[in-house]
Each structure stands twice: as structure tokens, then as C-alpha cells.
Amino acid sequence: MKIGRKAPWILRTLMIAGCLLSANAAQPEAAPEPLSAFPQSLLAIRTVAGKVINFKIWTADTPRREEQGMMFVREMDEHAGMLFMFPENRPVTMWMKNTYVSLDLLFLNARGKIDYIAASATPLSLAYIGPPTPEYAVLELKGGACERLGIKVGDVVLHKNFKNP
């Protein structure tokens, strides 16, 4: 088979494309945003027994912040957390990729009622965590906080983003 003049041009084009793809693949992931940049607010959980427990939370209010969540955090206060809100009820799954502290994941309906708790999720796990029903929000607390503070399914999260009194 005879190779014409176009073959070297095609070879050069493929080599340049390969170099560009390699360079893009080698780009590091964006540095995590500091939690201090996330919106902060106060939130409370009212237990069925009437006890009110207060928390200072960060809100994951953009797709990038939702993706980051509590990743890369090495320590967490017992009364701190992160809130993920969705525009409507939807199937929700979370994971613990790059998350170094154990978390309790509380899955909430639009009224702030806790429908499901995934307690003490394993740090760095890639396993999907989620409830059997669509949910409106997820609240992440320090792993074991629900057990230590007496928070259970049926308790209500009080926050401006929920339709509760």
C-alpha cells in the first residue's frame, strides 16, 4: 500500500490530540472550597419527646458545594452539620468519598420530618447510602450524634427551608 502526503499530517494531528488529552487528564481536581465560604445558619431538631437540640450548619447551595459536602473535613463539632436541599422530593443517594469523619445522614421530607437515618456511615466508603423513598433534603451530622443526642426517625428538623411551624 502506498502512503500519500496526508499520512504524516494525520499522524501529527493524532499525536497533538493525544498530548492534549493527556494534559487534560493530568489536571488536578479543583481545591476544596473552605467551609467558611458556605452559607451558615442555625437549625434545631425537635424530638418526639419534645427535646430541642440546636446546630450550626453549612448549606450546600450550589452543585459544586453539593458535590464537595463534608469531603476533606478531618474533625467536626457535635452540634455542627451540613444541609443539602432539593427543589422537590427525589430519589437521593450519598457516599463518603474523601470524607474522613463518620457521619449520620438524616433524610428529610418537605416538612422537615426525619424519614430515614443512615447512622455512622463509614469514612471513605464508595458505597451508596440512601432511603427507599424520595426525599426533599439531607442533613449530615457527626457520626453517632443521633444516638448520643436521642435523635430518631419521626423527629422534626426546624429550619427556614422547611414547611413546618
N, C-alpha and C. Protein backbone atom coordinates (compact mmCIF):
# COMPACT_ATOMS: atom_id res chain seq x y z
N MET A 1 0.85 -1.16 0.00
CA MET A 1 0.00 0.00 0.00
C MET A 1 0.90 1.23 0.00
N LYS A 2 0.53 2.21 -0.77
CA LYS A 2 1.30 3.44 -0.88
C LYS A 2 0.78 4.46 0.11
N ILE A 3 1.66 5.12 0.85
CA ILE A 3 1.27 6.15 1.81
C ILE A 3 1.42 7.50 1.13
N GLY A 4 0.35 8.24 1.10
CA GLY A 4 0.39 9.56 0.46
C GLY A 4 0.85 10.64 1.42
N ARG A 5 0.78 11.88 0.95
CA ARG A 5 1.24 13.04 1.73
C ARG A 5 0.37 13.27 2.98
N LYS A 6 -0.88 12.84 2.97
CA LYS A 6 -1.78 13.11 4.10
C LYS A 6 -1.42 12.30 5.34
N ALA A 7 -0.78 11.18 5.17
CA ALA A 7 -0.48 10.31 6.31
C ALA A 7 0.34 11.02 7.39
N PRO A 8 1.45 11.73 7.05
CA PRO A 8 2.18 12.42 8.11
C PRO A 8 1.32 13.49 8.81
N TRP A 9 0.46 14.16 8.07
CA TRP A 9 -0.41 15.18 8.67
C TRP A 9 -1.38 14.53 9.66
N ILE A 10 -1.95 13.40 9.25
CA ILE A 10 -2.88 12.68 10.14
C ILE A 10 -2.14 12.20 11.38
N LEU A 11 -0.94 11.70 11.20
CA LEU A 11 -0.15 11.21 12.34
C LEU A 11 0.15 12.36 13.30
N ARG A 12 0.56 13.52 12.77
CA ARG A 12 0.84 14.69 13.63
C ARG A 12 -0.42 15.13 14.37
N THR A 13 -1.57 15.14 13.69
CA THR A 13 -2.83 15.55 14.31
C THR A 13 -3.20 14.61 15.45
N LEU A 14 -3.04 13.31 15.21
CA LEU A 14 -3.34 12.34 16.26
C LEU A 14 -2.40 12.49 17.45
N MET A 15 -1.12 12.76 17.18
CA MET A 15 -0.15 12.93 18.27
C MET A 15 -0.48 14.17 19.09
N ILE A 16 -0.86 15.28 18.42
CA ILE A 16 -1.21 16.51 19.13
C ILE A 16 -2.47 16.27 19.97
N ALA A 17 -3.46 15.62 19.37
CA ALA A 17 -4.70 15.33 20.11
C ALA A 17 -4.41 14.48 21.33
N GLY A 18 -3.54 13.48 21.16
CA GLY A 18 -3.17 12.63 22.30
C GLY A 18 -2.48 13.40 23.40
N CYS A 19 -1.60 14.33 23.02
CA CYS A 19 -0.91 15.16 24.02
C CYS A 19 -1.90 16.04 24.77
N LEU A 20 -2.87 16.62 24.03
CA LEU A 20 -3.87 17.48 24.68
C LEU A 20 -4.73 16.68 25.64
N LEU A 21 -5.16 15.50 25.22
CA LEU A 21 -5.96 14.65 26.11
C LEU A 21 -5.17 14.25 27.35
N SER A 22 -3.91 13.93 27.18
CA SER A 22 -3.07 13.56 28.32
C SER A 22 -2.91 14.73 29.27
N ALA A 23 -2.72 15.93 28.73
CA ALA A 23 -2.56 17.12 29.57
C ALA A 23 -3.83 17.39 30.35
N ASN A 24 -5.00 17.23 29.70
CA ASN A 24 -6.26 17.47 30.40
C ASN A 24 -6.49 16.42 31.48
N ALA A 25 -6.12 15.18 31.23
CA ALA A 25 -6.31 14.11 32.21
C ALA A 25 -5.41 14.32 33.42
N ALA A 26 -4.28 14.99 33.23
CA ALA A 26 -3.34 15.19 34.32
C ALA A 26 -3.69 16.39 35.18
N GLN A 27 -4.70 17.19 34.79
CA GLN A 27 -5.08 18.36 35.57
C GLN A 27 -5.59 17.92 36.94
N PRO A 28 -5.11 18.54 38.01
CA PRO A 28 -5.60 18.17 39.34
C PRO A 28 -7.03 18.65 39.54
N GLU A 29 -7.75 17.98 40.43
CA GLU A 29 -9.09 18.42 40.78
C GLU A 29 -9.01 19.78 41.45
N ALA A 30 -10.07 20.56 41.33
CA ALA A 30 -10.10 21.87 41.97
C ALA A 30 -9.97 21.69 43.48
N ALA A 31 -9.27 22.61 44.11
CA ALA A 31 -9.10 22.56 45.56
C ALA A 31 -10.46 22.70 46.23
N PRO A 32 -10.67 22.03 47.34
CA PRO A 32 -11.97 22.15 48.02
C PRO A 32 -12.17 23.57 48.52
N GLU A 33 -13.41 23.99 48.49
CA GLU A 33 -13.78 25.31 49.00
C GLU A 33 -13.81 25.24 50.53
N PRO A 34 -13.28 26.23 51.21
CA PRO A 34 -13.33 26.18 52.69
C PRO A 34 -14.78 26.26 53.17
N LEU A 35 -15.08 25.51 54.22
CA LEU A 35 -16.45 25.54 54.76
C LEU A 35 -16.87 26.94 55.19
N SER A 36 -15.92 27.77 55.57
CA SER A 36 -16.25 29.14 55.98
C SER A 36 -16.90 29.95 54.85
N ALA A 37 -16.74 29.50 53.60
CA ALA A 37 -17.34 30.19 52.47
C ALA A 37 -18.79 29.73 52.22
N PHE A 38 -19.18 28.60 52.77
CA PHE A 38 -20.54 28.09 52.60
C PHE A 38 -21.50 28.95 53.44
N PRO A 39 -22.75 29.14 52.99
CA PRO A 39 -23.73 29.84 53.83
C PRO A 39 -23.92 29.09 55.15
N GLN A 40 -24.06 29.84 56.24
CA GLN A 40 -24.26 29.23 57.55
C GLN A 40 -25.58 29.70 58.15
N SER A 41 -26.19 28.86 58.93
CA SER A 41 -27.42 29.22 59.63
C SER A 41 -27.58 28.32 60.84
N LEU A 42 -28.62 28.61 61.59
CA LEU A 42 -28.95 27.79 62.75
C LEU A 42 -30.11 26.87 62.39
N LEU A 43 -30.11 25.72 63.00
CA LEU A 43 -31.12 24.70 62.75
C LEU A 43 -31.37 24.01 64.09
N ALA A 44 -32.58 23.52 64.29
CA ALA A 44 -32.88 22.77 65.51
C ALA A 44 -33.60 21.48 65.13
N ILE A 45 -33.46 20.50 65.98
CA ILE A 45 -34.22 19.26 65.83
C ILE A 45 -35.09 19.11 67.08
N ARG A 46 -36.40 18.97 66.83
CA ARG A 46 -37.34 18.75 67.93
C ARG A 46 -37.69 17.27 67.95
N THR A 47 -37.34 16.61 69.03
CA THR A 47 -37.61 15.17 69.14
C THR A 47 -39.09 14.95 69.45
N VAL A 48 -39.54 13.74 69.24
CA VAL A 48 -40.91 13.37 69.55
C VAL A 48 -41.18 13.59 71.04
N ALA A 49 -40.14 13.43 71.88
CA ALA A 49 -40.28 13.63 73.33
C ALA A 49 -40.32 15.12 73.70
N GLY A 50 -40.11 16.03 72.72
CA GLY A 50 -40.19 17.46 73.00
C GLY A 50 -38.85 18.15 73.23
N LYS A 51 -37.78 17.41 73.26
CA LYS A 51 -36.45 17.99 73.44
C LYS A 51 -36.05 18.73 72.16
N VAL A 52 -35.41 19.92 72.30
CA VAL A 52 -34.94 20.69 71.15
C VAL A 52 -33.42 20.75 71.21
N ILE A 53 -32.79 20.34 70.10
CA ILE A 53 -31.32 20.29 70.02
C ILE A 53 -30.89 21.25 68.90
N ASN A 54 -30.01 22.17 69.24
CA ASN A 54 -29.58 23.20 68.29
C ASN A 54 -28.28 22.84 67.59
N PHE A 55 -28.17 23.26 66.32
CA PHE A 55 -27.00 23.01 65.49
C PHE A 55 -26.65 24.26 64.69
N LYS A 56 -25.38 24.41 64.41
CA LYS A 56 -24.90 25.42 63.46
C LYS A 56 -24.56 24.64 62.20
N ILE A 57 -25.18 25.03 61.09
CA ILE A 57 -24.99 24.24 59.87
C ILE A 57 -24.44 25.09 58.72
N TRP A 58 -23.85 24.38 57.78
CA TRP A 58 -23.48 24.94 56.49
C TRP A 58 -24.51 24.42 55.50
N THR A 59 -24.79 25.20 54.46
CA THR A 59 -25.71 24.75 53.42
C THR A 59 -24.95 24.56 52.11
N ALA A 60 -25.12 23.40 51.52
CA ALA A 60 -24.55 23.11 50.20
C ALA A 60 -25.53 23.67 49.18
N ASP A 61 -25.31 24.91 48.77
CA ASP A 61 -26.29 25.64 47.96
C ASP A 61 -25.97 25.74 46.48
N THR A 62 -24.90 25.12 46.03
CA THR A 62 -24.57 25.09 44.61
C THR A 62 -24.20 23.66 44.24
N PRO A 63 -24.24 23.32 42.96
CA PRO A 63 -23.84 21.96 42.57
C PRO A 63 -22.42 21.61 43.02
N ARG A 64 -21.50 22.56 42.94
CA ARG A 64 -20.12 22.27 43.37
C ARG A 64 -20.08 22.01 44.88
N ARG A 65 -20.81 22.80 45.66
CA ARG A 65 -20.84 22.59 47.11
C ARG A 65 -21.56 21.29 47.46
N GLU A 66 -22.59 20.95 46.71
CA GLU A 66 -23.27 19.66 46.93
C GLU A 66 -22.30 18.51 46.69
N GLU A 67 -21.51 18.63 45.63
CA GLU A 67 -20.55 17.58 45.32
C GLU A 67 -19.47 17.46 46.39
N GLN A 68 -19.04 18.59 46.94
CA GLN A 68 -17.98 18.59 47.95
C GLN A 68 -18.51 18.14 49.31
N GLY A 69 -19.64 18.68 49.73
CA GLY A 69 -20.19 18.33 51.03
C GLY A 69 -19.16 18.41 52.14
N MET A 70 -19.07 17.35 52.93
CA MET A 70 -18.13 17.31 54.06
C MET A 70 -16.81 16.63 53.69
N MET A 71 -16.55 16.51 52.38
CA MET A 71 -15.28 15.91 51.96
C MET A 71 -14.11 16.70 52.53
N PHE A 72 -13.06 16.00 52.88
CA PHE A 72 -11.79 16.55 53.33
C PHE A 72 -11.82 17.13 54.75
N VAL A 73 -12.98 17.12 55.40
CA VAL A 73 -13.08 17.61 56.78
C VAL A 73 -12.50 16.53 57.69
N ARG A 74 -11.64 16.94 58.62
CA ARG A 74 -10.95 15.97 59.49
C ARG A 74 -11.55 15.90 60.89
N GLU A 75 -12.21 16.96 61.34
CA GLU A 75 -12.90 16.93 62.64
C GLU A 75 -14.17 17.75 62.54
N MET A 76 -15.10 17.41 63.42
CA MET A 76 -16.42 18.02 63.34
C MET A 76 -17.00 18.14 64.74
N ASP A 77 -17.60 19.26 65.02
CA ASP A 77 -18.26 19.50 66.30
C ASP A 77 -19.56 18.70 66.39
N GLU A 78 -19.91 18.28 67.56
CA GLU A 78 -21.14 17.51 67.80
C GLU A 78 -22.40 18.28 67.37
N HIS A 79 -22.35 19.60 67.43
CA HIS A 79 -23.53 20.41 67.11
C HIS A 79 -23.33 21.20 65.81
N ALA A 80 -22.66 20.58 64.85
CA ALA A 80 -22.46 21.16 63.52
C ALA A 80 -23.01 20.18 62.49
N GLY A 81 -23.27 20.68 61.30
CA GLY A 81 -23.76 19.80 60.24
C GLY A 81 -23.79 20.50 58.91
N MET A 82 -24.21 19.75 57.90
CA MET A 82 -24.38 20.31 56.57
C MET A 82 -25.73 19.89 56.03
N LEU A 83 -26.42 20.87 55.42
CA LEU A 83 -27.76 20.65 54.88
C LEU A 83 -27.72 20.69 53.36
N PHE A 84 -28.33 19.68 52.74
CA PHE A 84 -28.48 19.61 51.30
C PHE A 84 -29.98 19.71 51.01
N MET A 85 -30.38 20.68 50.22
CA MET A 85 -31.80 20.89 49.89
C MET A 85 -32.02 20.59 48.41
N PHE A 86 -33.19 20.07 48.09
CA PHE A 86 -33.54 19.78 46.70
C PHE A 86 -34.83 20.52 46.36
N PRO A 87 -35.04 20.87 45.10
CA PRO A 87 -36.23 21.66 44.74
C PRO A 87 -37.54 20.89 44.93
N GLU A 88 -37.46 19.58 44.95
CA GLU A 88 -38.64 18.74 45.15
C GLU A 88 -38.19 17.38 45.65
N ASN A 89 -39.14 16.57 46.11
CA ASN A 89 -38.79 15.21 46.52
C ASN A 89 -38.17 14.48 45.34
N ARG A 90 -37.08 13.75 45.62
CA ARG A 90 -36.43 12.98 44.57
C ARG A 90 -35.65 11.84 45.20
N PRO A 91 -35.36 10.79 44.42
CA PRO A 91 -34.50 9.74 44.96
C PRO A 91 -33.13 10.34 45.29
N VAL A 92 -32.60 10.01 46.45
CA VAL A 92 -31.34 10.59 46.90
C VAL A 92 -30.39 9.49 47.32
N THR A 93 -29.16 9.58 46.84
CA THR A 93 -28.10 8.72 47.34
C THR A 93 -26.88 9.58 47.63
N MET A 94 -26.16 9.23 48.66
CA MET A 94 -24.96 9.93 49.06
C MET A 94 -23.84 8.89 49.16
N TRP A 95 -22.61 9.36 49.30
CA TRP A 95 -21.48 8.46 49.53
C TRP A 95 -20.47 9.19 50.39
N MET A 96 -19.45 8.48 50.82
CA MET A 96 -18.47 9.02 51.76
C MET A 96 -17.09 9.23 51.11
N LYS A 97 -17.06 9.34 49.80
CA LYS A 97 -15.79 9.55 49.08
C LYS A 97 -15.07 10.77 49.68
N ASN A 98 -13.80 10.60 49.98
CA ASN A 98 -12.94 11.67 50.52
C ASN A 98 -13.50 12.29 51.80
N THR A 99 -14.36 11.58 52.51
CA THR A 99 -14.92 12.08 53.77
C THR A 99 -14.23 11.30 54.89
N TYR A 100 -13.48 12.03 55.72
CA TYR A 100 -12.62 11.40 56.71
C TYR A 100 -13.29 11.17 58.06
N VAL A 101 -14.43 11.81 58.30
CA VAL A 101 -15.14 11.61 59.56
C VAL A 101 -16.42 10.82 59.30
N SER A 102 -16.80 10.00 60.24
CA SER A 102 -18.05 9.28 60.14
C SER A 102 -19.20 10.28 60.24
N LEU A 103 -20.26 10.03 59.50
CA LEU A 103 -21.42 10.93 59.50
C LEU A 103 -22.70 10.15 59.74
N ASP A 104 -23.65 10.81 60.40
CA ASP A 104 -25.03 10.35 60.41
C ASP A 104 -25.72 11.13 59.31
N LEU A 105 -26.41 10.44 58.40
CA LEU A 105 -27.12 11.10 57.31
C LEU A 105 -28.62 10.99 57.59
N LEU A 106 -29.26 12.13 57.76
CA LEU A 106 -30.68 12.19 58.06
C LEU A 106 -31.41 12.61 56.80
N PHE A 107 -32.33 11.78 56.33
CA PHE A 107 -33.08 12.06 55.11
C PHE A 107 -34.44 12.62 55.52
N LEU A 108 -34.80 13.77 54.93
CA LEU A 108 -35.94 14.56 55.41
C LEU A 108 -36.98 14.81 54.33
N ASN A 109 -38.25 14.91 54.75
CA ASN A 109 -39.29 15.30 53.80
C ASN A 109 -39.44 16.83 53.80
N ALA A 110 -40.37 17.35 53.02
CA ALA A 110 -40.51 18.80 52.85
C ALA A 110 -40.94 19.52 54.13
N ARG A 111 -41.50 18.79 55.07
CA ARG A 111 -41.89 19.38 56.36
C ARG A 111 -40.78 19.27 57.39
N GLY A 112 -39.65 18.70 57.01
CA GLY A 112 -38.52 18.57 57.92
C GLY A 112 -38.55 17.31 58.77
N LYS A 113 -39.52 16.45 58.54
CA LYS A 113 -39.61 15.21 59.32
C LYS A 113 -38.51 14.25 58.87
N ILE A 114 -37.86 13.65 59.84
CA ILE A 114 -36.80 12.68 59.55
C ILE A 114 -37.47 11.36 59.17
N ASP A 115 -37.26 10.96 57.91
CA ASP A 115 -37.85 9.72 57.39
C ASP A 115 -36.91 8.54 57.51
N TYR A 116 -35.59 8.80 57.51
CA TYR A 116 -34.62 7.71 57.47
C TYR A 116 -33.29 8.24 58.01
N ILE A 117 -32.59 7.42 58.77
CA ILE A 117 -31.27 7.78 59.29
C ILE A 117 -30.29 6.68 58.90
N ALA A 118 -29.21 7.08 58.23
CA ALA A 118 -28.08 6.18 57.98
C ALA A 118 -27.04 6.56 59.03
N ALA A 119 -26.94 5.77 60.08
CA ALA A 119 -26.10 6.11 61.23
C ALA A 119 -24.65 5.69 61.01
N SER A 120 -23.76 6.56 61.44
CA SER A 120 -22.31 6.28 61.46
C SER A 120 -21.79 5.70 60.15
N ALA A 121 -22.02 6.43 59.06
CA ALA A 121 -21.53 5.99 57.75
C ALA A 121 -20.01 5.86 57.78
N THR A 122 -19.52 4.86 57.09
CA THR A 122 -18.10 4.53 57.09
C THR A 122 -17.29 5.56 56.29
N PRO A 123 -16.29 6.19 56.94
CA PRO A 123 -15.46 7.15 56.22
C PRO A 123 -14.80 6.52 54.98
N LEU A 124 -14.69 7.32 53.93
CA LEU A 124 -14.01 6.99 52.67
C LEU A 124 -14.71 5.90 51.85
N SER A 125 -15.87 5.44 52.27
CA SER A 125 -16.58 4.40 51.55
C SER A 125 -17.19 4.95 50.26
N LEU A 126 -17.18 4.13 49.22
CA LEU A 126 -17.81 4.50 47.95
C LEU A 126 -19.20 3.86 47.81
N ALA A 127 -19.65 3.19 48.87
CA ALA A 127 -20.98 2.58 48.84
C ALA A 127 -22.05 3.67 48.84
N TYR A 128 -23.11 3.45 48.07
CA TYR A 128 -24.20 4.41 48.03
C TYR A 128 -25.07 4.26 49.28
N ILE A 129 -25.49 5.40 49.81
CA ILE A 129 -26.31 5.44 51.02
C ILE A 129 -27.59 6.19 50.67
N GLY A 130 -28.72 5.60 50.95
CA GLY A 130 -29.96 6.31 50.66
C GLY A 130 -31.17 5.58 51.19
N PRO A 131 -32.26 6.31 51.32
CA PRO A 131 -33.50 5.72 51.81
C PRO A 131 -34.28 5.07 50.68
N PRO A 132 -35.30 4.30 51.03
CA PRO A 132 -36.10 3.64 49.99
C PRO A 132 -37.10 4.58 49.31
N THR A 133 -37.29 5.78 49.86
CA THR A 133 -38.28 6.72 49.32
C THR A 133 -37.61 8.02 48.85
N PRO A 134 -38.24 8.74 47.92
CA PRO A 134 -37.70 10.06 47.52
C PRO A 134 -37.72 11.01 48.72
N GLU A 135 -36.76 11.91 48.76
CA GLU A 135 -36.65 12.85 49.88
C GLU A 135 -36.42 14.27 49.39
N TYR A 136 -36.60 15.22 50.29
CA TYR A 136 -36.52 16.65 49.99
C TYR A 136 -35.18 17.25 50.42
N ALA A 137 -34.54 16.63 51.42
CA ALA A 137 -33.29 17.18 51.95
C ALA A 137 -32.51 16.10 52.69
N VAL A 138 -31.22 16.40 52.90
CA VAL A 138 -30.36 15.54 53.71
C VAL A 138 -29.60 16.43 54.67
N LEU A 139 -29.54 16.01 55.92
CA LEU A 139 -28.76 16.70 56.95
C LEU A 139 -27.66 15.75 57.40
N GLU A 140 -26.41 16.20 57.30
CA GLU A 140 -25.29 15.39 57.76
C GLU A 140 -24.83 15.92 59.11
N LEU A 141 -24.74 15.01 60.09
CA LEU A 141 -24.24 15.33 61.42
C LEU A 141 -23.05 14.43 61.73
N LYS A 142 -22.33 14.76 62.76
CA LYS A 142 -21.20 13.92 63.18
C LYS A 142 -21.68 12.50 63.45
N GLY A 143 -20.92 11.53 63.02
CA GLY A 143 -21.28 10.14 63.21
C GLY A 143 -21.54 9.81 64.67
N GLY A 144 -22.69 9.17 64.93
CA GLY A 144 -23.06 8.80 66.29
C GLY A 144 -23.85 9.87 67.03
N ALA A 145 -23.98 11.06 66.44
CA ALA A 145 -24.69 12.16 67.12
C ALA A 145 -26.15 11.79 67.37
N CYS A 146 -26.79 11.14 66.42
CA CYS A 146 -28.20 10.79 66.61
C CYS A 146 -28.38 9.90 67.83
N GLU A 147 -27.53 8.90 67.97
CA GLU A 147 -27.63 8.01 69.12
C GLU A 147 -27.32 8.76 70.42
N ARG A 148 -26.25 9.55 70.43
CA ARG A 148 -25.85 10.27 71.65
C ARG A 148 -26.88 11.31 72.08
N LEU A 149 -27.53 11.96 71.09
CA LEU A 149 -28.46 13.05 71.40
C LEU A 149 -29.92 12.61 71.42
N GLY A 150 -30.17 11.35 71.10
CA GLY A 150 -31.55 10.83 71.14
C GLY A 150 -32.39 11.25 69.94
N ILE A 151 -31.77 11.46 68.79
CA ILE A 151 -32.49 11.84 67.57
C ILE A 151 -32.93 10.57 66.85
N LYS A 152 -34.23 10.54 66.45
CA LYS A 152 -34.79 9.33 65.84
C LYS A 152 -35.64 9.67 64.63
N VAL A 153 -35.95 8.64 63.85
CA VAL A 153 -36.91 8.78 62.75
C VAL A 153 -38.22 9.29 63.36
N GLY A 154 -38.84 10.26 62.69
CA GLY A 154 -40.08 10.87 63.19
C GLY A 154 -39.85 12.21 63.84
N ASP A 155 -38.62 12.49 64.29
CA ASP A 155 -38.30 13.81 64.83
C ASP A 155 -38.35 14.84 63.70
N VAL A 156 -38.39 16.13 64.05
CA VAL A 156 -38.57 17.17 63.04
C VAL A 156 -37.42 18.17 63.09
N VAL A 157 -36.91 18.48 61.89
CA VAL A 157 -35.87 19.50 61.75
C VAL A 157 -36.56 20.84 61.55
N LEU A 158 -36.20 21.80 62.38
CA LEU A 158 -36.77 23.15 62.31
C LEU A 158 -35.74 24.06 61.65
N HIS A 159 -36.11 24.60 60.49
CA HIS A 159 -35.20 25.47 59.73
C HIS A 159 -36.07 26.25 58.73
N LYS A 160 -35.61 27.42 58.36
CA LYS A 160 -36.38 28.28 57.45
C LYS A 160 -36.72 27.61 56.12
N ASN A 161 -35.97 26.61 55.70
CA ASN A 161 -36.19 25.97 54.41
C ASN A 161 -37.27 24.88 54.42
N PHE A 162 -37.84 24.61 55.60
CA PHE A 162 -38.87 23.57 55.69
C PHE A 162 -40.23 24.18 55.97
N LYS A 163 -41.27 23.49 55.52
CA LYS A 163 -42.65 23.94 55.69
C LYS A 163 -43.19 23.40 57.00
N ASN A 164 -42.64 23.91 58.12
CA ASN A 164 -43.14 23.47 59.42
C ASN A 164 -43.35 24.70 60.29
N PRO A 165 -44.22 24.57 61.30
CA PRO A 165 -44.49 25.73 62.17
C PRO A 165 -43.31 26.13 63.01
